[in-house]
PDB file of N, CA and C in Angstrom:
ATOM      1  N   UNK A   1     -12.621 -41.774  13.445  1.00  0.00           N
ATOM      2  CA  UNK A   1     -12.546 -41.304  12.938  1.00  0.00           C
ATOM      3  C   UNK A   1     -13.409 -41.365  11.467  1.00  0.00           C
ATOM      4  N   UNK A   2     -13.656 -40.579  11.150  1.00  0.00           N
ATOM      5  CA  UNK A   2     -14.788 -40.929   9.684  1.00  0.00           C
ATOM      6  C   UNK A   2     -13.789 -41.344   8.872  1.00  0.00           C
ATOM      7  N   UNK A   3     -13.947 -42.586   8.243  1.00  0.00           N
ATOM      8  CA  UNK A   3     -13.496 -42.436   6.607  1.00  0.00           C
ATOM      9  C   UNK A   3     -13.782 -42.371   5.182  1.00  0.00           C
ATOM     10  N   UNK A   4     -12.849 -41.718   4.214  1.00  0.00           N
ATOM     11  CA  UNK A   4     -14.004 -41.404   3.557  1.00  0.00           C
ATOM     12  C   UNK A   4     -13.472 -42.174   2.269  1.00  0.00           C
ATOM     13  N   UNK A   5     -12.773 -41.782   1.129  1.00  0.00           N
ATOM     14  CA  UNK A   5     -12.721 -42.761   0.387  1.00  0.00           C
ATOM     15  C   UNK A   5     -11.404 -43.013  -0.131  1.00  0.00           C
ATOM     16  N   UNK A   6     -11.154 -44.451  -0.001  1.00  0.00           N
ATOM     17  CA  UNK A   6     -10.251 -45.349  -0.280  1.00  0.00           C
ATOM     18  C   UNK A   6      -9.061 -45.159   0.956  1.00  0.00           C
ATOM     19  N   UNK A   7     -10.201 -44.841   2.520  1.00  0.00           N
ATOM     20  CA  UNK A   7      -9.184 -44.517   3.719  1.00  0.00           C
ATOM     21  C   UNK A   7      -8.262 -43.520   4.075  1.00  0.00           C
ATOM     22  N   UNK A   8      -8.827 -42.511   2.924  1.00  0.00           N
ATOM     23  CA  UNK A   8      -8.567 -40.754   3.009  1.00  0.00           C
ATOM     24  C   UNK A   8     -10.119 -40.435   4.547  1.00  0.00           C
ATOM     25  N   UNK A   9      -9.128 -39.480   5.295  1.00  0.00           N
ATOM     26  CA  UNK A   9     -10.595 -39.226   6.171  1.00  0.00           C
ATOM     27  C   UNK A   9     -10.891 -37.948   5.581  1.00  0.00           C
ATOM     28  N   UNK A  10     -12.671 -37.346   5.987  1.00  0.00           N
ATOM     29  CA  UNK A  10     -12.945 -37.207   4.960  1.00  0.00           C
ATOM     30  C   UNK A  10     -12.516 -35.704   5.323  1.00  0.00           C
ATOM     31  N   UNK A  11     -12.392 -35.171   5.970  1.00  0.00           N
ATOM     32  CA  UNK A  11     -11.582 -34.047   6.746  1.00  0.00           C
ATOM     33  C   UNK A  11     -11.144 -33.382   5.300  1.00  0.00           C
ATOM     34  N   UNK A  12      -9.830 -34.556   4.985  1.00  0.00           N
ATOM     35  CA  UNK A  12      -8.923 -34.180   4.283  1.00  0.00           C
ATOM     36  C   UNK A  12      -9.870 -34.228   2.563  1.00  0.00           C
ATOM     37  N   UNK A  13     -10.368 -34.889   2.567  1.00  0.00           N
ATOM     38  CA  UNK A  13     -11.219 -35.309   1.230  1.00  0.00           C
ATOM     39  C   UNK A  13     -12.005 -33.354   0.792  1.00  0.00           C
ATOM     40  N   UNK A  14     -12.964 -32.923   2.096  1.00  0.00           N
ATOM     41  CA  UNK A  14     -13.182 -31.663   2.319  1.00  0.00           C
ATOM     42  C   UNK A  14     -12.109 -30.490   1.886  1.00  0.00           C
ATOM     43  N   UNK A  15     -11.313 -30.545   2.521  1.00  0.00           N
ATOM     44  CA  UNK A  15     -10.290 -29.005   2.387  1.00  0.00           C
ATOM     45  C   UNK A  15      -9.564 -30.034   0.850  1.00  0.00           C
ATOM     46  N   UNK A  16      -9.725 -30.611   0.665  1.00  0.00           N
ATOM     47  CA  UNK A  16      -8.975 -30.600  -1.041  1.00  0.00           C
ATOM     48  C   UNK A  16     -10.410 -30.735  -2.026  1.00  0.00           C
ATOM     49  N   UNK A  17     -10.845 -30.625  -1.132  1.00  0.00           N
ATOM     50  CA  UNK A  17     -12.332 -30.461  -2.642  1.00  0.00           C
ATOM     51  C   UNK A  17     -12.116 -28.580  -2.214  1.00  0.00           C
ATOM     52  N   UNK A  18     -12.148 -28.009  -1.072  1.00  0.00           N
ATOM     53  CA  UNK A  18     -12.073 -26.808  -1.362  1.00  0.00           C
ATOM     54  C   UNK A  18     -10.943 -25.422  -1.968  1.00  0.00           C
ATOM     55  N   UNK A  19      -9.735 -26.486  -1.755  1.00  0.00           N
ATOM     56  CA  UNK A  19      -8.655 -26.217  -2.507  1.00  0.00           C
ATOM     57  C   UNK A  19      -8.798 -25.988  -4.180  1.00  0.00           C
ATOM     58  N   UNK A  20      -9.241 -26.924  -4.158  1.00  0.00           N
ATOM     59  CA  UNK A  20      -9.737 -27.165  -5.968  1.00  0.00           C
ATOM     60  C   UNK A  20     -10.701 -25.900  -6.352  1.00  0.00           C
ATOM     61  N   UNK A  21     -11.765 -25.984  -5.608  1.00  0.00           N
ATOM     62  CA  UNK A  21     -12.510 -24.882  -6.218  1.00  0.00           C
ATOM     63  C   UNK A  21     -12.156 -23.582  -5.745  1.00  0.00           C
ATOM     64  N   UNK A  22     -11.859 -23.425  -4.567  1.00  0.00           N
ATOM     65  CA  UNK A  22     -10.944 -22.290  -4.727  1.00  0.00           C
ATOM     66  C   UNK A  22      -9.303 -21.425  -4.893  1.00  0.00           C
ATOM     67  N   UNK A  23      -9.183 -22.926  -6.166  1.00  0.00           N
ATOM     68  CA  UNK A  23      -7.693 -22.335  -6.710  1.00  0.00           C
ATOM     69  C   UNK A  23      -8.418 -21.567  -7.898  1.00  0.00           C
ATOM     70  N   UNK A  24      -8.990 -21.001  -8.538  1.00  0.00           N
ATOM     71  CA  UNK A  24      -9.536 -20.428  -9.454  1.00  0.00           C
ATOM     72  C   UNK A  24      -9.204 -18.809  -9.424  1.00  0.00           C
ATOM     73  N   UNK A  25      -9.797 -18.465  -7.767  1.00  0.00           N
ATOM     74  CA  UNK A  25      -9.659 -17.157  -7.321  1.00  0.00           C
ATOM     75  C   UNK A  25      -8.613 -16.880  -6.848  1.00  0.00           C
ATOM     76  N   UNK A  26      -7.598 -17.769  -6.092  1.00  0.00           N
ATOM     77  CA  UNK A  26      -6.129 -17.915  -5.113  1.00  0.00           C
ATOM     78  C   UNK A  26      -4.958 -17.845  -6.378  1.00  0.00           C
ATOM     79  N   UNK A  27      -5.183 -18.451  -7.453  1.00  0.00           N
ATOM     80  CA  UNK A  27      -3.894 -18.340  -8.102  1.00  0.00           C
ATOM     81  C   UNK A  27      -3.715 -17.270  -8.922  1.00  0.00           C
ATOM     82  N   UNK A  28      -4.612 -16.050  -9.842  1.00  0.00           N
ATOM     83  CA  UNK A  28      -4.417 -14.935  -9.906  1.00  0.00           C
ATOM     84  C   UNK A  28      -4.228 -14.050  -8.999  1.00  0.00           C
ATOM     85  N   UNK A  29      -4.557 -14.114  -7.563  1.00  0.00           N
ATOM     86  CA  UNK A  29      -4.187 -13.298  -6.579  1.00  0.00           C
ATOM     87  C   UNK A  29      -3.050 -13.417  -6.321  1.00  0.00           C
ATOM     88  N   UNK A  30      -2.437 -14.487  -6.405  1.00  0.00           N
ATOM     89  CA  UNK A  30      -0.859 -15.036  -5.922  1.00  0.00           C
ATOM     90  C   UNK A  30       0.099 -14.385  -7.325  1.00  0.00           C
ATOM     91  N   UNK A  31      -0.446 -14.431  -7.972  1.00  0.00           N
ATOM     92  CA  UNK A  31       0.238 -14.062  -9.580  1.00  0.00           C
ATOM     93  C   UNK A  31       0.246 -13.108  -9.405  1.00  0.00           C
ATOM     94  N   UNK A  32      -0.272 -11.835  -8.814  1.00  0.00           N
ATOM     95  CA  UNK A  32      -0.944 -10.314  -9.275  1.00  0.00           C
ATOM     96  C   UNK A  32       0.361  -9.682  -8.321  1.00  0.00           C
ATOM     97  N   UNK A  33       0.653 -10.617  -6.329  1.00  0.00           N
ATOM     98  CA  UNK A  33       1.189 -10.343  -5.819  1.00  0.00           C
ATOM     99  C   UNK A  33       2.201 -10.548  -6.482  1.00  0.00           C
ATOM    100  N   UNK A  34       3.148 -11.592  -6.542  1.00  0.00           N
ATOM    101  CA  UNK A  34       4.397 -11.682  -7.528  1.00  0.00           C
ATOM    102  C   UNK A  34       4.596 -10.762  -8.488  1.00  0.00           C
ATOM    103  N   UNK A  35       3.840 -10.596  -9.270  1.00  0.00           N
ATOM    104  CA  UNK A  35       4.019  -9.671 -10.617  1.00  0.00           C
ATOM    105  C   UNK A  35       4.132  -8.070  -9.372  1.00  0.00           C
ATOM    106  N   UNK A  36       3.273  -8.281  -9.013  1.00  0.00           N
ATOM    107  CA  UNK A  36       4.197  -6.508  -7.991  1.00  0.00           C
ATOM    108  C   UNK A  36       4.945  -6.723  -7.374  1.00  0.00           C
ATOM    109  N   UNK A  37       5.804  -7.877  -6.698  1.00  0.00           N
ATOM    110  CA  UNK A  37       7.109  -7.705  -5.935  1.00  0.00           C
ATOM    111  C   UNK A  37       7.888  -8.118  -6.884  1.00  0.00           C
ATOM    112  N   UNK A  38       7.759  -8.482  -8.370  1.00  0.00           N
ATOM    113  CA  UNK A  38       8.816  -8.095  -9.151  1.00  0.00           C
ATOM    114  C   UNK A  38       9.142  -6.813  -9.337  1.00  0.00           C
ATOM    115  N   UNK A  39       7.767  -6.242  -9.643  1.00  0.00           N
ATOM    116  CA  UNK A  39       7.776  -4.623 -10.605  1.00  0.00           C
ATOM    117  C   UNK A  39       8.696  -3.851  -9.610  1.00  0.00           C
ATOM    118  N   UNK A  40       8.117  -3.633  -8.162  1.00  0.00           N
ATOM    119  CA  UNK A  40       8.482  -2.691  -7.654  1.00  0.00           C
ATOM    120  C   UNK A  40      10.023  -2.420  -7.807  1.00  0.00           C
ATOM    121  N   UNK A  41      10.939  -3.277  -7.552  1.00  0.00           N
ATOM    122  CA  UNK A  41      12.859  -2.542  -7.922  1.00  0.00           C
ATOM    123  C   UNK A  41      12.892  -2.370  -9.214  1.00  0.00           C
ATOM    124  N   UNK A  42      11.842  -2.568 -10.340  1.00  0.00           N
ATOM    125  CA  UNK A  42      12.523  -2.004 -11.119  1.00  0.00           C
ATOM    126  C   UNK A  42      11.674  -0.505 -11.945  1.00  0.00           C
ATOM    127  N   UNK A  43      10.303  -0.099 -11.105  1.00  0.00           N
ATOM    128  CA  UNK A  43       9.637   1.093 -10.655  1.00  0.00           C
ATOM    129  C   UNK A  43      10.417   1.768 -10.294  1.00  0.00           C
ATOM    130  N   UNK A  44      11.195   1.375  -8.852  1.00  0.00           N
ATOM    131  CA  UNK A  44      12.225   2.421  -8.366  1.00  0.00           C
ATOM    132  C   UNK A  44      13.133   2.910  -9.171  1.00  0.00           C
ATOM    133  N   UNK A  45      13.566   1.559  -9.570  1.00  0.00           N
ATOM    134  CA  UNK A  45      15.224   2.499 -10.641  1.00  0.00           C
ATOM    135  C   UNK A  45      14.642   3.115 -11.602  1.00  0.00           C
ATOM    136  N   UNK A  46      13.420   2.900 -12.334  1.00  0.00           N
ATOM    137  CA  UNK A  46      13.332   4.108 -13.234  1.00  0.00           C
ATOM    138  C   UNK A  46      12.709   5.230 -12.813  1.00  0.00           C
ATOM    139  N   UNK A  47      12.117   5.104 -11.983  1.00  0.00           N
ATOM    140  CA  UNK A  47      12.107   6.299 -10.782  1.00  0.00           C
ATOM    141  C   UNK A  47      12.994   7.613 -10.582  1.00  0.00           C
ATOM    142  N   UNK A  48      14.793   6.954 -10.434  1.00  0.00           N
ATOM    143  CA  UNK A  48      15.500   7.621  -9.894  1.00  0.00           C
ATOM    144  C   UNK A  48      16.159   7.857 -11.214  1.00  0.00           C
ATOM    145  N   UNK A  49      16.464   7.034 -12.798  1.00  0.00           N
ATOM    146  CA  UNK A  49      17.238   7.007 -13.605  1.00  0.00           C
ATOM    147  C   UNK A  49      16.018   8.383 -14.167  1.00  0.00           C
ATOM    148  N   UNK A  50      14.982   8.299 -14.182  1.00  0.00           N
ATOM    149  CA  UNK A  50      14.084   9.481 -15.306  1.00  0.00           C
ATOM    150  C   UNK A  50      14.213  10.459 -14.587  1.00  0.00           C
ATOM    151  N   UNK A  51      14.507  10.541 -12.802  1.00  0.00           N
ATOM    152  CA  UNK A  51      14.593  11.824 -11.897  1.00  0.00           C
ATOM    153  C   UNK A  51      12.786  12.242 -12.117  1.00  0.00           C
ATOM    154  N   UNK A  52      11.986  11.272 -11.329  1.00  0.00           N
ATOM    155  CA  UNK A  52      10.302  11.531 -11.694  1.00  0.00           C
ATOM    156  C   UNK A  52      10.348  12.197  -9.708  1.00  0.00           C
ATOM    157  N   UNK A  53       9.616  12.998 -10.075  1.00  0.00           N
ATOM    158  CA  UNK A  53       8.911  13.497  -8.863  1.00  0.00           C
ATOM    159  C   UNK A  53       8.149  12.375  -7.569  1.00  0.00           C
ATOM    160  N   UNK A  54       8.924  12.473  -6.669  1.00  0.00           N
ATOM    161  CA  UNK A  54       8.152  11.404  -4.804  1.00  0.00           C
ATOM    162  C   UNK A  54       7.671  12.192  -4.581  1.00  0.00           C
ATOM    163  N   UNK A  55       5.834  11.641  -4.352  1.00  0.00           N
ATOM    164  CA  UNK A  55       5.430  12.155  -3.685  1.00  0.00           C
ATOM    165  C   UNK A  55       5.387  12.198  -2.416  1.00  0.00           C
ATOM    166  N   UNK A  56       5.188  12.976  -1.634  1.00  0.00           N
ATOM    167  CA  UNK A  56       4.929  12.968  -0.138  1.00  0.00           C
ATOM    168  C   UNK A  56       3.556  13.857   0.631  1.00  0.00           C
ATOM    169  N   UNK A  57       2.944  13.228   0.938  1.00  0.00           N
ATOM    170  CA  UNK A  57       1.412  13.136   1.620  1.00  0.00           C
ATOM    171  C   UNK A  57       1.196  13.219   3.147  1.00  0.00           C
ATOM    172  N   UNK A  58       0.694  13.891   3.530  1.00  0.00           N
ATOM    173  CA  UNK A  58       0.340  14.176   4.868  1.00  0.00           C
ATOM    174  C   UNK A  58      -1.368  13.759   5.198  1.00  0.00           C
ATOM    175  N   UNK A  59      -1.723  13.283   5.931  1.00  0.00           N
ATOM    176  CA  UNK A  59      -3.221  13.454   6.138  1.00  0.00           C
ATOM    177  C   UNK A  59      -3.173  13.913   7.698  1.00  0.00           C
ATOM    178  N   UNK A  60      -4.270  14.965   7.720  1.00  0.00           N
ATOM    179  CA  UNK A  60      -4.003  15.654   9.391  1.00  0.00           C
ATOM    180  C   UNK A  60      -5.652  15.371   9.395  1.00  0.00           C
ATOM    181  N   UNK A  61      -5.995  15.047  10.525  1.00  0.00           N
ATOM    182  CA  UNK A  61      -7.731  15.068  11.379  1.00  0.00           C
ATOM    183  C   UNK A  61      -8.018  16.153  12.207  1.00  0.00           C
ATOM    184  N   UNK A  62      -9.130  16.437  11.244  1.00  0.00           N
ATOM    185  CA  UNK A  62      -9.675  17.657  12.178  1.00  0.00           C
ATOM    186  C   UNK A  62     -11.080  17.171  12.696  1.00  0.00           C
ATOM    187  N   UNK A  63     -11.335  16.179  12.947  1.00  0.00           N
ATOM    188  CA  UNK A  63     -12.408  15.419  13.513  1.00  0.00           C
ATOM    189  C   UNK A  63     -12.078  13.845  13.228  1.00  0.00           C
ATOM    190  N   UNK A  64     -12.599  13.086  13.452  1.00  0.00           N
ATOM    191  CA  UNK A  64     -12.418  11.741  14.172  1.00  0.00           C
ATOM    192  C   UNK A  64     -12.892  10.774  12.698  1.00  0.00           C
ATOM    193  N   UNK A  65     -13.918  11.185  12.392  1.00  0.00           N
ATOM    194  CA  UNK A  65     -14.136  10.835  11.050  1.00  0.00           C
ATOM    195  C   UNK A  65     -14.039  11.259   9.389  1.00  0.00           C
ATOM    196  N   UNK A  66     -13.240  13.075   9.623  1.00  0.00           N
ATOM    197  CA  UNK A  66     -12.606  13.795   8.532  1.00  0.00           C
ATOM    198  C   UNK A  66     -11.232  13.729   8.722  1.00  0.00           C
ATOM    199  N   UNK A  67     -10.604  13.673   7.424  1.00  0.00           N
ATOM    200  CA  UNK A  67      -8.789  13.985   6.905  1.00  0.00           C
ATOM    201  C   UNK A  67      -9.179  14.890   6.074  1.00  0.00           C
ATOM    202  N   UNK A  68      -7.730  15.256   5.942  1.00  0.00           N
ATOM    203  CA  UNK A  68      -7.498  16.238   4.840  1.00  0.00           C
ATOM    204  C   UNK A  68      -5.680  15.990   4.330  1.00  0.00           C
ATOM    205  N   UNK A  69      -6.157  15.677   3.101  1.00  0.00           N
ATOM    206  CA  UNK A  69      -5.035  15.433   2.459  1.00  0.00           C
ATOM    207  C   UNK A  69      -3.681  16.849   1.861  1.00  0.00           C
ATOM    208  N   UNK A  70      -2.979  16.321   1.845  1.00  0.00           N
ATOM    209  CA  UNK A  70      -2.232  17.471   2.000  1.00  0.00           C
ATOM    210  C   UNK A  70      -0.894  16.529   1.207  1.00  0.00           C
ATOM    211  N   UNK A  71      -0.666  17.269  -0.498  1.00  0.00           N
ATOM    212  CA  UNK A  71       0.508  16.680  -1.416  1.00  0.00           C
ATOM    213  C   UNK A  71       1.766  17.550  -1.590  1.00  0.00           C
ATOM    214  N   UNK A  72       3.096  17.034  -2.023  1.00  0.00           N
ATOM    215  CA  UNK A  72       3.739  17.560  -2.268  1.00  0.00           C
ATOM    216  C   UNK A  72       4.661  16.241  -3.087  1.00  0.00           C
ATOM    217  N   UNK A  73       5.375  17.520  -4.204  1.00  0.00           N
ATOM    218  CA  UNK A  73       6.076  16.506  -4.577  1.00  0.00           C
ATOM    219  C   UNK A  73       7.542  16.937  -4.769  1.00  0.00           C
ATOM    220  N   UNK A  74       8.803  16.603  -4.288  1.00  0.00           N
ATOM    221  CA  UNK A  74      10.320  16.617  -4.631  1.00  0.00           C
ATOM    222  C   UNK A  74      10.603  15.123  -5.730  1.00  0.00           C
ATOM    223  N   UNK A  75      11.873  15.857  -6.311  1.00  0.00           N
ATOM    224  CA  UNK A  75      12.614  15.012  -6.987  1.00  0.00           C
ATOM    225  C   UNK A  75      13.867  14.465  -6.295  1.00  0.00           C
ATOM    226  N   UNK A  76      13.808  13.579  -6.284  1.00  0.00           N
ATOM    227  CA  UNK A  76      14.930  12.364  -5.422  1.00  0.00           C
ATOM    228  C   UNK A  76      14.018  12.253  -3.592  1.00  0.00           C
ATOM    229  N   UNK A  77      14.672  10.738  -3.537  1.00  0.00           N
ATOM    230  CA  UNK A  77      14.126  10.392  -2.448  1.00  0.00           C
ATOM    231  C   UNK A  77      15.011  11.168  -1.332  1.00  0.00           C
ATOM    232  N   UNK A  78      15.746  11.186  -1.041  1.00  0.00           N
ATOM    233  CA  UNK A  78      16.795  12.343  -0.005  1.00  0.00           C
ATOM    234  C   UNK A  78      15.559  13.215   0.113  1.00  0.00           C
ATOM    235  N   UNK A  79      15.272  13.784  -0.519  1.00  0.00           N
ATOM    236  CA  UNK A  79      14.367  15.017  -0.998  1.00  0.00           C
ATOM    237  C   UNK A  79      13.380  15.024  -0.043  1.00  0.00           C
ATOM    238  N   UNK A  80      12.766  13.741  -0.622  1.00  0.00           N
ATOM    239  CA  UNK A  80      11.561  13.348  -0.097  1.00  0.00           C
ATOM    240  C   UNK A  80      11.519  12.877   1.445  1.00  0.00           C
ATOM    241  N   UNK A  81      12.576  12.495   1.646  1.00  0.00           N
ATOM    242  CA  UNK A  81      12.671  12.164   2.913  1.00  0.00           C
ATOM    243  C   UNK A  81      12.996  13.363   4.116  1.00  0.00           C
ATOM    244  N   UNK A  82      13.730  14.255   3.362  1.00  0.00           N
ATOM    245  CA  UNK A  82      14.127  15.810   4.318  1.00  0.00           C
ATOM    246  C   UNK A  82      12.495  16.685   4.299  1.00  0.00           C
ATOM    247  N   UNK A  83      11.607  16.433   3.076  1.00  0.00           N
ATOM    248  CA  UNK A  83      10.517  16.918   3.730  1.00  0.00           C
ATOM    249  C   UNK A  83       9.852  15.990   4.323  1.00  0.00           C
ATOM    250  N   UNK A  84       9.598  14.793   4.355  1.00  0.00           N
ATOM    251  CA  UNK A  84       8.287  14.312   4.935  1.00  0.00           C
ATOM    252  C   UNK A  84       9.230  14.515   6.704  1.00  0.00           C
ATOM    253  N   UNK A  85      10.315  14.525   7.172  1.00  0.00           N
ATOM    254  CA  UNK A  85      10.542  15.104   7.769  1.00  0.00           C
ATOM    255  C   UNK A  85      10.030  16.891   8.547  1.00  0.00           C
ATOM    256  N   UNK A  86      10.309  17.332   7.389  1.00  0.00           N
ATOM    257  CA  UNK A  86      10.094  18.973   7.634  1.00  0.00           C
ATOM    258  C   UNK A  86       8.396  18.412   7.991  1.00  0.00           C
ATOM    259  N   UNK A  87       7.808  18.327   7.259  1.00  0.00           N
ATOM    260  CA  UNK A  87       6.278  18.099   7.157  1.00  0.00           C
ATOM    261  C   UNK A  87       5.629  17.514   8.865  1.00  0.00           C
ATOM    262  N   UNK A  88       6.524  16.275   9.324  1.00  0.00           N
ATOM    263  CA  UNK A  88       6.461  16.194  10.442  1.00  0.00           C
ATOM    264  C   UNK A  88       6.590  16.760  11.782  1.00  0.00           C
ATOM    265  N   UNK A  89       7.550  17.928  11.571  1.00  0.00           N
ATOM    266  CA  UNK A  89       7.732  18.576  12.546  1.00  0.00           C
ATOM    267  C   UNK A  89       6.534  19.892  12.348  1.00  0.00           C
ATOM    268  N   UNK A  90       6.449  20.135  11.189  1.00  0.00           N
ATOM    269  CA  UNK A  90       5.388  21.349  11.007  1.00  0.00           C
ATOM    270  C   UNK A  90       4.163  20.470  11.334  1.00  0.00           C
ATOM    271  N   UNK A  91       3.399  19.334  11.432  1.00  0.00           N
ATOM    272  CA  UNK A  91       2.071  18.955  12.251  1.00  0.00           C
ATOM    273  C   UNK A  91       2.594  18.812  13.379  1.00  0.00           C
ATOM    274  N   UNK A  92       3.570  18.576  13.957  1.00  0.00           N
ATOM    275  CA  UNK A  92       3.830  18.229  15.970  1.00  0.00           C
ATOM    276  C   UNK A  92       2.953  20.145  16.278  1.00  0.00           C
ATOM    277  N   UNK A  93       3.938  21.291  15.430  1.00  0.00           N
ATOM    278  CA  UNK A  93       4.281  21.956  15.386  1.00  0.00           C
ATOM    279  C   UNK A  93       3.006  23.020  15.637  1.00  0.00           C
ATOM    280  N   UNK A  94       2.396  22.806  14.525  1.00  0.00           N
ATOM    281  CA  UNK A  94       1.297  23.653  13.708  1.00  0.00           C
ATOM    282  C   UNK A  94       0.312  23.207  13.590  1.00  0.00           C
ATOM    283  N   UNK A  95      -0.028  22.306  13.580  1.00  0.00           N
ATOM    284  CA  UNK A  95      -1.355  21.019  13.430  1.00  0.00           C
ATOM    285  C   UNK A  95      -1.664  20.870  11.808  1.00  0.00           C
ATOM    286  N   UNK A  96      -0.514  21.220  11.645  1.00  0.00           N
ATOM    287  CA  UNK A  96      -0.874  21.322   9.888  1.00  0.00           C
ATOM    288  C   UNK A  96       0.315  21.108   9.054  1.00  0.00           C
ATOM    289  N   UNK A  97       0.408  20.824   7.933  1.00  0.00           N
ATOM    290  CA  UNK A  97       2.327  21.231   6.880  1.00  0.00           C
ATOM    291  C   UNK A  97       1.908  21.853   6.501  1.00  0.00           C
ATOM    292  N   UNK A  98       2.220  23.216   6.850  1.00  0.00           N
ATOM    293  CA  UNK A  98       2.627  24.607   5.815  1.00  0.00           C
ATOM    294  C   UNK A  98       3.600  23.866   4.742  1.00  0.00           C
ATOM    295  N   UNK A  99       4.673  22.981   4.246  1.00  0.00           N
ATOM    296  CA  UNK A  99       5.280  23.077   3.000  1.00  0.00           C
ATOM    297  C   UNK A  99       4.652  22.285   2.115  1.00  0.00           C
ATOM    298  N   UNK A 100       3.438  21.431   2.070  1.00  0.00           N
ATOM    299  CA  UNK A 100       2.743  21.064   1.392  1.00  0.00           C
ATOM    300  C   UNK A 100       1.467  21.436   0.779  1.00  0.00           C
ATOM    301  N   UNK A 101       0.732  21.194  -0.329  1.00  0.00           N
ATOM    302  CA  UNK A 101      -0.584  21.754  -0.855  1.00  0.00           C
ATOM    303  C   UNK A 101      -1.732  21.770  -0.118  1.00  0.00           C
ATOM    304  N   UNK A 102      -2.118  22.347   0.293  1.00  0.00           N
ATOM    305  CA  UNK A 102      -3.296  22.331   0.653  1.00  0.00           C
ATOM    306  C   UNK A 102      -4.684  21.469  -0.040  1.00  0.00           C
ATOM    307  N   UNK A 103      -5.031  20.783   0.655  1.00  0.00           N
ATOM    308  CA  UNK A 103      -6.072  20.435  -0.070  1.00  0.00           C
ATOM    309  C   UNK A 103      -7.503  21.144  -0.604  1.00  0.00           C
ATOM    310  N   UNK A 104      -7.872  21.172  -1.638  1.00  0.00           N
ATOM    311  CA  UNK A 104      -8.681  21.734  -2.554  1.00  0.00           C
ATOM    312  C   UNK A 104     -10.664  21.977  -2.001  1.00  0.00           C
ATOM    313  N   UNK A 105     -10.536  21.163  -1.522  1.00  0.00           N
ATOM    314  CA  UNK A 105     -12.653  20.588  -1.379  1.00  0.00           C
ATOM    315  C   UNK A 105     -12.035  21.552   0.183  1.00  0.00           C
ATOM    316  N   UNK A 106     -13.628  21.990   0.437  1.00  0.00           N
ATOM    317  CA  UNK A 106     -13.627  23.253   1.616  1.00  0.00           C
ATOM    318  C   UNK A 106     -13.557  22.205   2.930  1.00  0.00           C
ATOM    319  N   UNK A 107     -13.252  22.545   4.058  1.00  0.00           N
ATOM    320  CA  UNK A 107     -12.876  21.683   4.834  1.00  0.00           C
ATOM    321  C   UNK A 107     -12.092  22.672   5.675  1.00  0.00           C
TER     322      UNK A 107
END
């Protein structure tokens, strides 16, 4: 094995240098993920306490490269789950959700 500085293998020196060079990019990325993980329970709690509407979104494909987005909003997570189940059944039966707002763009 090729020896580097003071008996440390050369591959380990390259790996350590890469980590040091890339750490300015990884540290903010990791910190932003940790912040998102910490804020998520608070955001859910505030949505429940303030009775803010929950979004329900369905994507329906007409062609392989084209998707239409249907949106709806309900208050409460149980109502959102019920609407999502109803929309799933509508898509299976009618190929589009009738309980949600249709897309505004032509298609």
